[in-house]
Amino acid sequence: MFKDLVETGNLNTSDDLQKDCLWFCFAELLQEDLNAVKQHWNTHRIRKSRNDTIPAGVPDVLYYLLEGRGGETGLLLSVDNNKIGYVENHLIEKEDGNEHFEYFQYVMGSLGLGKPANWREALQLYHILVSVSVSGA
């Protein structure tokens, strides 16, 4: 769908406003789908393999209740606070507010628009927000 938006000229991937608008409209729906896939995957049963290379069982159970399932304990390594501080200050990008997101929320409030519940509503919202943003209305 996103590729089609580019091919039809409805999305310019070099335009930050359009990319932010796309993210604003679809991010929560995509995250919900990813969470559903994660939930399904982590609660399904893994069959015993022929070569005993992968432990059989349910991934969440194997991870959280590893004792009695052949897992090992005591593998957690401590990390020096200085190293953690360095990473927090130098390697992790702090997300400041996104001015486009604030604008999109303002437009939605002004037009009485709600959050999209599905991809069709998200696509419609994307077109409305881009149209309003381009026209400056």
Protein backbone atom coordinates (compact mmCIF):
# COMPACT_ATOMS: atom_id res chain seq x y z
CA MET A 1 0.00 0.00 0.00
CA PHE A 2 2.79 2.44 0.87
CA LYS A 3 4.60 1.61 -2.35
CA ASP A 4 1.37 2.34 -4.23
CA LEU A 5 1.16 5.73 -2.51
CA VAL A 6 4.63 6.55 -3.81
CA GLU A 7 3.91 5.27 -7.32
CA THR A 8 0.66 7.25 -7.58
CA GLY A 9 2.36 10.43 -6.38
CA ASN A 10 0.45 10.55 -3.10
CA LEU A 11 3.59 10.12 -1.01
CA ASN A 12 6.91 11.83 -1.54
CA THR A 13 9.43 9.98 0.65
CA SER A 14 11.82 12.94 0.57
CA ASP A 15 9.17 15.19 2.16
CA ASP A 16 9.48 15.05 5.97
CA LEU A 17 5.95 16.38 6.48
CA GLN A 18 4.43 13.60 4.37
CA LYS A 19 6.55 10.93 6.06
CA ASP A 20 5.59 12.25 9.51
CA CYS A 21 1.94 12.32 8.45
CA LEU A 22 2.14 8.72 7.28
CA TRP A 23 3.73 7.70 10.58
CA PHE A 24 1.16 9.72 12.54
CA CYS A 25 -1.74 8.00 10.76
CA PHE A 26 -0.47 4.41 10.69
CA ALA A 27 1.96 3.91 13.61
CA GLU A 28 -0.60 2.84 16.23
CA LEU A 29 -2.31 0.42 13.84
CA LEU A 30 1.01 -1.09 12.82
CA GLN A 31 2.06 -1.42 16.47
CA GLU A 32 -1.24 -3.17 17.31
CA ASP A 33 -0.60 -5.68 14.50
CA LEU A 34 2.98 -6.24 15.64
CA ASN A 35 1.81 -6.78 19.22
CA ALA A 36 -0.77 -9.33 18.01
CA VAL A 37 1.90 -11.21 16.05
CA LYS A 38 4.22 -11.14 19.07
CA GLN A 39 1.45 -12.41 21.35
CA HIS A 40 0.57 -15.20 18.94
CA TRP A 41 4.20 -16.20 18.45
CA ASN A 42 5.11 -16.15 22.13
CA THR A 43 2.11 -18.26 23.13
CA HIS A 44 2.27 -20.96 20.44
CA ARG A 45 3.80 -24.37 21.13
CA ILE A 46 7.19 -25.22 19.61
CA ARG A 47 7.39 -28.90 18.73
CA LYS A 48 10.38 -30.94 19.79
CA SER A 49 13.01 -30.96 17.03
CA ARG A 50 14.63 -34.12 15.74
CA ASN A 51 18.09 -32.93 16.68
CA ASP A 52 17.20 -31.47 20.10
CA THR A 53 18.63 -28.12 18.98
CA ILE A 54 15.59 -26.10 20.04
CA PRO A 55 13.79 -26.69 23.32
CA ALA A 56 10.14 -27.67 22.93
CA GLY A 57 7.43 -25.67 24.65
CA VAL A 58 5.80 -22.25 24.64
CA PRO A 59 8.27 -19.37 24.12
CA ASP A 60 6.91 -17.23 26.98
CA VAL A 61 7.01 -20.18 29.38
CA LEU A 62 10.51 -21.14 28.25
CA TYR A 63 11.70 -17.55 28.80
CA TYR A 64 10.00 -16.70 32.08
CA LEU A 65 9.95 -20.14 33.73
CA LEU A 66 13.25 -21.54 32.55
CA GLU A 67 13.93 -23.61 35.66
CA GLY A 68 12.67 -27.13 35.10
CA ARG A 69 12.73 -26.67 31.35
CA GLY A 70 16.45 -27.16 30.82
CA GLY A 71 17.34 -23.48 31.00
CA GLU A 72 20.23 -22.00 32.91
CA THR A 73 20.04 -19.32 35.58
CA GLY A 74 22.63 -16.85 36.75
CA LEU A 75 23.65 -15.65 33.27
CA LEU A 76 22.73 -12.01 33.90
CA LEU A 77 25.77 -9.73 33.80
CA SER A 78 25.86 -6.43 35.65
CA VAL A 79 26.74 -3.27 33.72
CA ASP A 80 28.68 -0.42 35.30
CA ASN A 81 26.59 2.74 35.83
CA ASN A 82 29.24 4.81 34.03
CA LYS A 83 28.72 2.74 30.88
CA ILE A 84 24.95 3.09 31.16
CA GLY A 85 25.32 6.86 31.57
CA TYR A 86 27.58 7.06 28.52
CA VAL A 87 25.07 5.22 26.36
CA GLU A 88 22.18 7.37 27.62
CA ASN A 89 24.07 10.59 26.86
CA HIS A 90 25.80 9.68 23.61
CA LEU A 91 24.08 6.84 21.80
CA ILE A 92 20.36 7.04 22.56
CA GLU A 93 18.55 9.74 20.66
CA LYS A 94 16.22 11.65 22.90
CA GLU A 95 12.93 12.28 21.15
CA ASP A 96 11.86 15.87 21.46
CA GLY A 97 8.29 16.69 20.50
CA ASN A 98 7.52 16.48 16.81
CA GLU A 99 6.09 19.77 15.57
CA HIS A 100 4.31 18.01 12.72
CA PHE A 101 2.56 15.65 15.16
CA GLU A 102 1.37 18.59 17.23
CA TYR A 103 0.05 20.23 14.05
CA PHE A 104 -1.72 17.03 12.93
CA GLN A 105 -3.37 16.74 16.36
CA TYR A 106 -4.46 20.37 16.11
CA VAL A 107 -5.96 19.82 12.64
CA MET A 108 -7.75 16.66 13.79
CA GLY A 109 -9.22 18.56 16.74
CA SER A 110 -10.25 21.48 14.56
CA LEU A 111 -11.95 19.20 12.02
CA GLY A 112 -13.46 16.88 14.65
CA LEU A 113 -11.54 13.87 13.35
CA GLY A 114 -10.86 10.81 15.48
CA LYS A 115 -8.06 8.25 15.52
CA PRO A 116 -8.27 5.69 12.73
CA ALA A 117 -9.55 2.24 13.65
CA ASN A 118 -8.33 0.47 10.51
CA TRP A 119 -6.04 0.98 7.52
CA ARG A 120 -8.81 2.52 5.37
CA GLU A 121 -9.52 5.19 7.97
CA ALA A 122 -5.79 5.78 8.41
CA LEU A 123 -5.35 6.23 4.67
CA GLN A 124 -8.29 8.65 4.54
CA LEU A 125 -6.85 10.60 7.48
CA TYR A 126 -3.46 10.72 5.75
CA HIS A 127 -5.00 12.24 2.62
CA ILE A 128 -6.96 14.81 4.67
CA LEU A 129 -3.97 15.87 6.76
CA VAL A 130 -1.63 16.14 3.78
CA SER A 131 -4.24 18.10 1.84
CA VAL A 132 -4.80 20.53 4.71
CA SER A 133 -1.05 20.84 5.33
CA VAL A 134 -0.28 21.58 1.68
CA SER A 135 -3.13 24.05 1.24
CA GLY A 136 -2.35 25.73 4.56
CA ALA A 137 -6.05 25.84 5.41
